């Protein structure tokens, strides 16, 4: 990105940047499902996803420091190019370390002795998902496409990331519209990252502790809706109140991350899991494409239509999550009734058979 010289070049580089980073989130979710038990996955996914908030904090301070330094002392290249050089080189270094040290499953973990490898595999038996079967299974693809949960997940990702796409791309303009300078907006955006970190870790932890990720993570989305209502309702002159409203909107990813963790936990069968994760992230990308289009220049400085769109999308997300919650509870009751039948017989070692959540009667959906 730091080397582009034209608009078309920027589009091409940004396209390939998206292609190469597309595997990060579903890949991390897959690793989490392979290494951690169901009761641990919500917290772990909340922790690693919270580094988006840490990146907002680090990136804000970095961009502010570079912008101020360039203003005071000048710079040989454009300040925005310096930002891309720093973050790009850091990403390359961490990526190289990840490639060297991260195994694709427990059996290939060079930092575990043979006994610990077997123990690492045995501890995830409770997941009823094995540790990853790389063979493509057409029936699992079909099941994924016909499963109502798949499309409930996809709808949430689309509806939730229309707001995300708008706020992420226009947060600086939003803060400027509150009465601050563009340079100040870089600095004042960093507390939003802290809100995201705290909300994700707390919701992940308490969701696992009380065995109810969905209902606990709803709290983050309710806080975000309150924040957006403050931005819409408060007068333009109330800079501090509207800025606090923006900070509250940064709690919104809690439910997105909870559903991402439920894809890791509640979708079994390697082909089915990767398919559902791909659909979820495609919907996420579509939402992020649509979101910025709601912030039209003619609506500045309040951007009321975009802000109302955000509130409506988040409210639709609440109803979608309640459907997911009810559907999973219903499926658990059906499976419990099936297991209670006198002629039911559990297969030996079926935990390692790469069965889908639908075809495995021992599989219990987490909430």
Protein backbone atom coordinates (compact mmCIF):
# COMPACT_ATOMS: atom_id res chain seq x y z
CA UNK A 1 0.00 0.00 0.00
CA UNK A 2 2.86 2.37 0.74
CA UNK A 3 4.13 2.03 -2.84
CA UNK A 4 0.95 2.75 -4.79
CA UNK A 5 0.98 5.68 -7.20
CA UNK A 6 -2.56 5.66 -8.61
CA UNK A 7 -6.16 4.96 -7.69
CA UNK A 8 -6.28 1.81 -9.82
CA UNK A 9 -3.07 0.58 -8.21
CA UNK A 10 -4.58 1.16 -4.77
CA UNK A 11 -7.67 -0.85 -5.72
CA UNK A 12 -5.55 -3.74 -7.00
CA UNK A 13 -3.32 -3.85 -3.92
CA UNK A 14 -6.31 -3.56 -1.59
CA UNK A 15 -8.03 -6.43 -3.43
CA UNK A 16 -5.07 -8.77 -2.95
CA UNK A 17 -4.64 -7.60 0.64
CA UNK A 18 -8.23 -8.71 1.25
CA UNK A 19 -7.65 -12.03 -0.52
CA UNK A 20 -4.64 -12.91 1.61
CA UNK A 21 -6.10 -11.77 4.92
CA UNK A 22 -9.45 -13.51 4.30
CA UNK A 23 -8.23 -16.76 5.85
CA UNK A 24 -7.15 -15.20 9.15
CA UNK A 25 -10.40 -15.10 11.11
CA UNK A 26 -11.87 -18.46 9.97
CA UNK A 27 -8.44 -20.04 10.36
CA UNK A 28 -8.07 -18.80 13.93
CA UNK A 29 -11.59 -20.01 14.75
CA UNK A 30 -10.71 -23.44 13.34
CA UNK A 31 -7.50 -23.60 15.40
CA UNK A 32 -9.46 -22.65 18.51
CA UNK A 33 -11.99 -25.45 17.95
CA UNK A 34 -9.15 -27.96 17.52
CA UNK A 35 -7.16 -27.02 20.60
CA UNK A 36 -9.73 -25.98 23.21
CA UNK A 37 -12.82 -27.55 24.73
CA UNK A 38 -16.29 -26.09 24.23
CA UNK A 39 -16.20 -24.49 27.67
CA UNK A 40 -12.95 -22.67 26.78
CA UNK A 41 -13.58 -21.49 23.24
CA UNK A 42 -15.66 -18.38 23.93
CA UNK A 43 -12.99 -16.87 26.17
CA UNK A 44 -10.13 -17.75 23.79
CA UNK A 45 -11.86 -16.36 20.72
CA UNK A 46 -12.76 -13.23 22.67
CA UNK A 47 -9.10 -12.79 23.62
CA UNK A 48 -7.61 -13.12 20.16
CA UNK A 49 -10.39 -11.10 18.50
CA UNK A 50 -9.89 -8.35 21.09
CA UNK A 51 -6.57 -7.59 19.42
CA UNK A 52 -8.62 -5.69 16.84
CA UNK A 53 -9.21 -3.27 19.72
CA UNK A 54 -5.53 -3.32 20.66
CA UNK A 55 -4.74 -2.56 17.00
CA UNK A 56 -7.09 0.42 17.13
CA UNK A 57 -5.27 1.70 20.21
CA UNK A 58 -1.78 1.08 18.82
CA UNK A 59 -2.74 2.32 15.34
CA UNK A 60 -4.32 5.47 16.71
CA UNK A 61 -1.27 6.43 18.74
CA UNK A 62 1.03 5.49 15.85
CA UNK A 63 -0.92 7.52 13.29
CA UNK A 64 -1.21 10.49 15.67
CA UNK A 65 2.53 10.44 16.42
CA UNK A 66 3.46 10.22 12.74
CA UNK A 67 0.97 12.95 11.77
CA UNK A 68 2.19 15.31 14.47
CA UNK A 69 5.85 14.56 13.77
CA UNK A 70 5.38 15.16 10.05
CA UNK A 71 3.55 18.44 10.76
CA UNK A 72 6.28 19.71 13.07
CA UNK A 73 9.39 18.38 11.34
CA UNK A 74 8.31 17.32 7.87
CA UNK A 75 8.83 13.90 6.31
CA UNK A 76 10.51 12.44 3.23
CA UNK A 77 7.39 10.44 2.33
CA UNK A 78 3.69 10.94 3.01
CA UNK A 79 2.75 10.19 6.65
CA UNK A 80 0.08 7.65 5.64
CA UNK A 81 2.77 5.68 3.78
CA UNK A 82 4.85 5.52 6.96
CA UNK A 83 1.86 4.00 8.78
CA UNK A 84 1.54 1.27 6.15
CA UNK A 85 5.28 0.57 6.20
CA UNK A 86 5.37 0.15 9.98
CA UNK A 87 2.24 -2.00 10.26
CA UNK A 88 3.08 -3.97 7.11
CA UNK A 89 6.59 -4.90 8.28
CA UNK A 90 5.24 -5.82 11.72
CA UNK A 91 2.58 -8.05 10.13
CA UNK A 92 5.19 -9.80 7.98
CA UNK A 93 7.39 -10.51 10.98
CA UNK A 94 4.54 -11.92 13.08
CA UNK A 95 3.26 -13.95 10.10
CA UNK A 96 6.69 -15.55 9.65
CA UNK A 97 6.83 -16.51 13.33
CA UNK A 98 3.31 -17.94 13.15
CA UNK A 99 4.22 -20.03 10.10
CA UNK A 100 7.29 -21.43 11.86
CA UNK A 101 5.85 -22.21 15.28
CA UNK A 102 2.10 -22.86 14.84
CA UNK A 103 1.28 -26.53 14.08
CA UNK A 104 -1.83 -27.47 12.09
CA UNK A 105 -2.94 -29.89 14.83
CA UNK A 106 -1.75 -31.48 18.06
CA UNK A 107 0.05 -34.34 16.33
CA UNK A 108 2.45 -31.90 14.63
CA UNK A 109 3.20 -29.78 17.69
CA UNK A 110 6.99 -29.90 17.93
CA UNK A 111 6.92 -28.21 21.33
CA UNK A 112 4.90 -31.08 22.87
CA UNK A 113 6.35 -34.48 23.75
CA UNK A 114 4.47 -37.60 22.50
CA UNK A 115 2.54 -38.03 25.75
CA UNK A 116 1.44 -34.39 25.84
CA UNK A 117 0.29 -34.66 22.22
CA UNK A 118 -1.98 -37.56 23.10
CA UNK A 119 -3.28 -35.69 26.14
CA UNK A 120 -3.93 -32.58 24.05
CA UNK A 121 -6.03 -34.68 21.68
CA UNK A 122 -7.86 -36.57 24.44
CA UNK A 123 -8.90 -33.39 26.26
CA UNK A 124 -10.95 -32.23 23.23
CA UNK A 125 -12.86 -35.52 22.96
CA UNK A 126 -15.77 -33.76 24.65
CA UNK A 127 -16.14 -31.49 21.59
CA UNK A 128 -17.41 -34.43 19.50
CA UNK A 129 -15.53 -32.96 16.51
CA UNK A 130 -12.22 -34.78 16.18
CA UNK A 131 -9.16 -32.68 15.41
CA UNK A 132 -9.76 -31.97 11.73
CA UNK A 133 -10.39 -34.25 8.77
CA UNK A 134 -8.98 -32.70 5.61
CA UNK A 135 -11.10 -34.80 3.18
CA UNK A 136 -13.86 -32.92 1.36
CA UNK A 137 -17.31 -34.44 1.96
CA UNK A 138 -20.07 -33.37 -0.42
CA UNK A 139 -22.89 -34.34 1.93
CA UNK A 140 -21.49 -32.02 4.59
CA UNK A 141 -21.42 -29.17 2.09
CA UNK A 142 -25.07 -29.87 1.26
CA UNK A 143 -26.01 -30.04 4.95
CA UNK A 144 -24.30 -26.71 5.58
CA UNK A 145 -26.24 -25.04 2.77
CA UNK A 146 -29.57 -26.46 4.02
CA UNK A 147 -29.02 -25.78 7.73
CA UNK A 148 -31.10 -22.83 9.03
CA UNK A 149 -28.29 -21.98 11.46
CA UNK A 150 -25.94 -21.31 8.55
CA UNK A 151 -28.16 -18.60 7.17
CA UNK A 152 -29.01 -17.21 10.59
CA UNK A 153 -25.26 -16.80 11.15
CA UNK A 154 -24.89 -15.25 7.68
CA UNK A 155 -27.75 -12.80 8.25
CA UNK A 156 -26.21 -11.66 11.50
CA UNK A 157 -22.79 -11.11 9.92
CA UNK A 158 -24.36 -9.08 7.08
CA UNK A 159 -26.67 -6.99 9.29
CA UNK A 160 -24.06 -6.39 12.02
CA UNK A 161 -21.28 -5.43 9.65
CA UNK A 162 -23.20 -2.82 7.72
CA UNK A 163 -22.77 -0.69 10.89
CA UNK A 164 -19.22 -1.97 11.34
CA UNK A 165 -18.25 -1.04 7.80
CA UNK A 166 -19.66 2.43 8.20
CA UNK A 167 -18.23 3.17 11.64
CA UNK A 168 -14.82 1.60 10.91
CA UNK A 169 -14.31 3.58 7.72
CA UNK A 170 -15.86 6.84 8.88
CA UNK A 171 -15.01 6.95 12.58
CA UNK A 172 -12.52 9.77 11.99
CA UNK A 173 -15.15 11.80 10.13
CA UNK A 174 -17.66 11.05 12.87
CA UNK A 175 -15.29 12.34 15.54
CA UNK A 176 -14.47 15.40 13.41
CA UNK A 177 -18.23 16.02 13.14
CA UNK A 178 -18.30 16.13 16.96
CA UNK A 179 -16.13 19.27 16.80
CA UNK A 180 -12.57 17.91 16.88
CA UNK A 181 -9.70 18.29 14.39
CA UNK A 182 -8.67 15.42 12.05
CA UNK A 183 -5.44 15.05 14.03
CA UNK A 184 -7.32 14.89 17.32
CA UNK A 185 -9.68 12.30 15.85
CA UNK A 186 -6.76 9.86 15.54
CA UNK A 187 -6.02 10.19 19.25
CA UNK A 188 -9.60 10.35 20.50
CA UNK A 189 -10.49 7.15 18.63
CA UNK A 190 -8.16 5.03 20.77
CA UNK A 191 -10.45 4.71 23.85
CA UNK A 192 -12.95 2.98 21.56
CA UNK A 193 -10.41 0.21 21.10
CA UNK A 194 -10.13 -0.14 24.88
CA UNK A 195 -13.93 -0.47 25.15
CA UNK A 196 -13.82 -3.25 22.54
CA UNK A 197 -11.04 -5.11 24.36
CA UNK A 198 -12.81 -5.00 27.72
CA UNK A 199 -16.24 -5.91 26.30
CA UNK A 200 -14.93 -8.90 24.31
CA UNK A 201 -12.87 -10.38 27.12
CA UNK A 202 -15.58 -9.93 29.75
CA UNK A 203 -18.37 -11.32 27.57
CA UNK A 204 -16.18 -14.23 26.46
CA UNK A 205 -15.21 -15.09 30.02
CA UNK A 206 -18.65 -14.81 31.59
CA UNK A 207 -20.28 -16.49 28.59
CA UNK A 208 -18.11 -19.56 29.16
CA UNK A 209 -18.41 -19.38 32.93
CA UNK A 210 -22.21 -19.36 32.91
CA UNK A 211 -22.57 -21.49 29.75
CA UNK A 212 -24.54 -18.85 27.85
CA UNK A 213 -22.48 -16.85 25.41
CA UNK A 214 -25.41 -15.49 23.41
CA UNK A 215 -27.49 -13.89 26.15
CA UNK A 216 -24.44 -12.45 27.91
CA UNK A 217 -22.97 -11.06 24.68
CA UNK A 218 -26.27 -9.35 23.86
CA UNK A 219 -25.26 -6.84 26.55
CA UNK A 220 -22.50 -5.50 24.31
CA UNK A 221 -24.89 -4.89 21.42
CA UNK A 222 -27.40 -3.17 23.73
CA UNK A 223 -24.62 -0.86 24.94
CA UNK A 224 -23.72 -0.11 21.30
CA UNK A 225 -27.35 0.70 20.44
CA UNK A 226 -27.46 3.09 23.41
CA UNK A 227 -24.27 4.74 22.14
CA UNK A 228 -25.69 5.28 18.66
CA UNK A 229 -28.93 6.68 20.12
CA UNK A 230 -26.81 9.21 22.03
CA UNK A 231 -25.05 10.23 18.80
CA UNK A 232 -28.40 10.69 17.03
CA UNK A 233 -30.27 12.38 19.86
CA UNK A 234 -27.70 14.73 21.36
CA UNK A 235 -27.20 18.18 19.79
CA UNK A 236 -24.11 18.88 17.71
CA UNK A 237 -22.87 21.22 20.43
CA UNK A 238 -22.61 18.34 22.95
CA UNK A 239 -19.20 17.15 21.77
CA UNK A 240 -18.33 15.11 24.85
CA UNK A 241 -21.68 13.33 25.03
CA UNK A 242 -21.58 12.33 21.36
CA UNK A 243 -17.97 11.18 21.71
CA UNK A 244 -18.98 8.96 24.65
CA UNK A 245 -21.76 7.60 22.44
CA UNK A 246 -19.17 6.66 19.83
CA UNK A 247 -17.08 4.89 22.46
CA UNK A 248 -20.12 2.85 23.53
CA UNK A 249 -20.69 1.68 19.94
CA UNK A 250 -17.34 -0.10 20.12
CA UNK A 251 -18.91 -2.78 22.34
CA UNK A 252 -20.91 -4.02 19.34
CA UNK A 253 -18.53 -6.86 18.27
CA UNK A 254 -19.40 -8.98 21.33
CA UNK A 255 -22.23 -10.85 19.60
CA UNK A 256 -20.32 -11.18 16.33
CA UNK A 257 -17.51 -12.86 18.25
CA UNK A 258 -19.96 -14.99 20.25
CA UNK A 259 -21.43 -16.32 16.98
CA UNK A 260 -17.94 -16.86 15.59
CA UNK A 261 -17.18 -18.94 18.68
CA UNK A 262 -20.44 -20.84 18.21
CA UNK A 263 -19.42 -21.73 14.66
CA UNK A 264 -16.29 -23.24 16.21
CA UNK A 265 -18.34 -24.97 18.91
CA UNK A 266 -21.71 -25.81 17.35
CA UNK A 267 -20.81 -26.70 13.77
CA UNK A 268 -19.24 -30.14 13.51
CA UNK A 269 -17.80 -31.93 10.51
CA UNK A 270 -14.66 -30.43 8.96
CA UNK A 271 -16.20 -29.67 5.56
CA UNK A 272 -19.38 -28.28 7.10
CA UNK A 273 -17.48 -26.13 9.59
CA UNK A 274 -15.22 -24.59 6.95
CA UNK A 275 -18.22 -23.97 4.67
CA UNK A 276 -20.26 -22.23 7.38
CA UNK A 277 -17.24 -20.17 8.45
CA UNK A 278 -16.67 -19.12 4.83
CA UNK A 279 -20.31 -18.07 4.38
CA UNK A 280 -20.17 -16.16 7.67
CA UNK A 281 -17.06 -14.26 6.61
CA UNK A 282 -18.40 -13.61 3.09
CA UNK A 283 -21.47 -12.03 4.71
CA UNK A 284 -19.14 -10.07 6.98
CA UNK A 285 -17.30 -8.72 3.95
CA UNK A 286 -20.56 -7.87 2.16
CA UNK A 287 -21.72 -5.89 5.18
CA UNK A 288 -18.45 -3.99 5.29
CA UNK A 289 -18.87 -3.12 1.60
CA UNK A 290 -22.43 -1.85 2.08
CA UNK A 291 -21.76 0.05 5.32
CA UNK A 292 -19.64 2.93 3.99
CA UNK A 293 -22.27 3.66 1.30
CA UNK A 294 -24.70 4.77 4.01
CA UNK A 295 -22.44 7.69 4.99
CA UNK A 296 -23.24 10.14 2.20
CA UNK A 297 -21.44 13.50 1.98
CA UNK A 298 -24.75 15.36 1.68
CA UNK A 299 -25.75 14.06 5.15
CA UNK A 300 -22.73 15.60 6.91
CA UNK A 301 -22.16 16.57 9.65
CA UNK A 302 -24.84 14.52 11.44
CA UNK A 303 -25.14 11.56 9.04
CA UNK A 304 -28.59 10.85 10.49
CA UNK A 305 -29.73 8.37 7.77
CA UNK A 306 -26.56 6.30 8.30
CA UNK A 307 -26.97 6.39 12.07
CA UNK A 308 -30.63 5.30 11.88
CA UNK A 309 -29.61 2.51 9.48
CA UNK A 310 -27.07 1.34 12.06
CA UNK A 311 -29.67 1.25 14.83
CA UNK A 312 -32.14 -0.67 12.65
CA UNK A 313 -29.49 -3.22 11.64
CA UNK A 314 -28.47 -3.82 15.24
CA UNK A 315 -32.11 -4.26 16.30
CA UNK A 316 -32.58 -6.85 13.52
CA UNK A 317 -29.48 -8.61 14.88
CA UNK A 318 -31.12 -8.95 18.29
CA UNK A 319 -34.08 -10.84 16.83
CA UNK A 320 -31.76 -13.03 14.76
CA UNK A 321 -29.77 -14.01 17.86
CA UNK A 322 -32.96 -14.89 19.73
CA UNK A 323 -33.87 -17.21 16.84
CA UNK A 324 -30.43 -18.88 17.03
CA UNK A 325 -30.80 -19.29 20.79
CA UNK A 326 -34.27 -20.84 20.49
CA UNK A 327 -33.29 -23.09 17.59
CA UNK A 328 -30.27 -24.51 19.44
CA UNK A 329 -32.34 -25.19 22.56
CA UNK A 330 -34.95 -26.96 20.43
CA UNK A 331 -32.32 -29.13 18.75
CA UNK A 332 -30.83 -30.07 22.14
CA UNK A 333 -34.25 -31.24 23.34
CA UNK A 334 -34.72 -33.35 20.21
CA UNK A 335 -31.32 -34.96 20.62
CA UNK A 336 -31.95 -35.65 24.32
CA UNK A 337 -35.24 -37.37 23.44
CA UNK A 338 -33.47 -39.47 20.79
CA UNK A 339 -30.74 -40.55 23.22
CA UNK A 340 -33.42 -41.52 25.78
CA UNK A 341 -34.94 -44.08 23.43
CA UNK A 342 -34.47 -47.66 24.72
CA UNK A 343 -33.04 -48.82 21.37
CA UNK A 344 -30.41 -46.05 21.21
CA UNK A 345 -26.84 -47.32 20.93
CA UNK A 346 -23.82 -45.05 21.04
CA UNK A 347 -21.05 -45.81 18.57
CA UNK A 348 -17.61 -46.45 20.02
CA UNK A 349 -15.18 -43.55 19.55
CA UNK A 350 -17.70 -41.63 17.46
CA UNK A 351 -16.08 -38.43 18.74
CA UNK A 352 -13.33 -38.93 16.14
CA UNK A 353 -15.53 -39.90 13.15
CA UNK A 354 -15.87 -36.40 11.66
CA UNK A 355 -19.65 -36.49 12.03
CA UNK A 356 -21.67 -33.31 11.59
CA UNK A 357 -23.60 -31.80 14.45
CA UNK A 358 -26.83 -32.97 12.80
CA UNK A 359 -25.86 -36.62 12.41
CA UNK A 360 -24.19 -37.06 15.79
CA UNK A 361 -26.89 -37.69 18.44
CA UNK A 362 -24.33 -37.12 21.22
CA UNK A 363 -23.65 -33.59 20.03
CA UNK A 364 -25.02 -30.89 22.33
CA UNK A 365 -25.28 -27.31 21.08
CA UNK A 366 -23.74 -24.64 23.27
CA UNK A 367 -25.69 -21.48 23.93
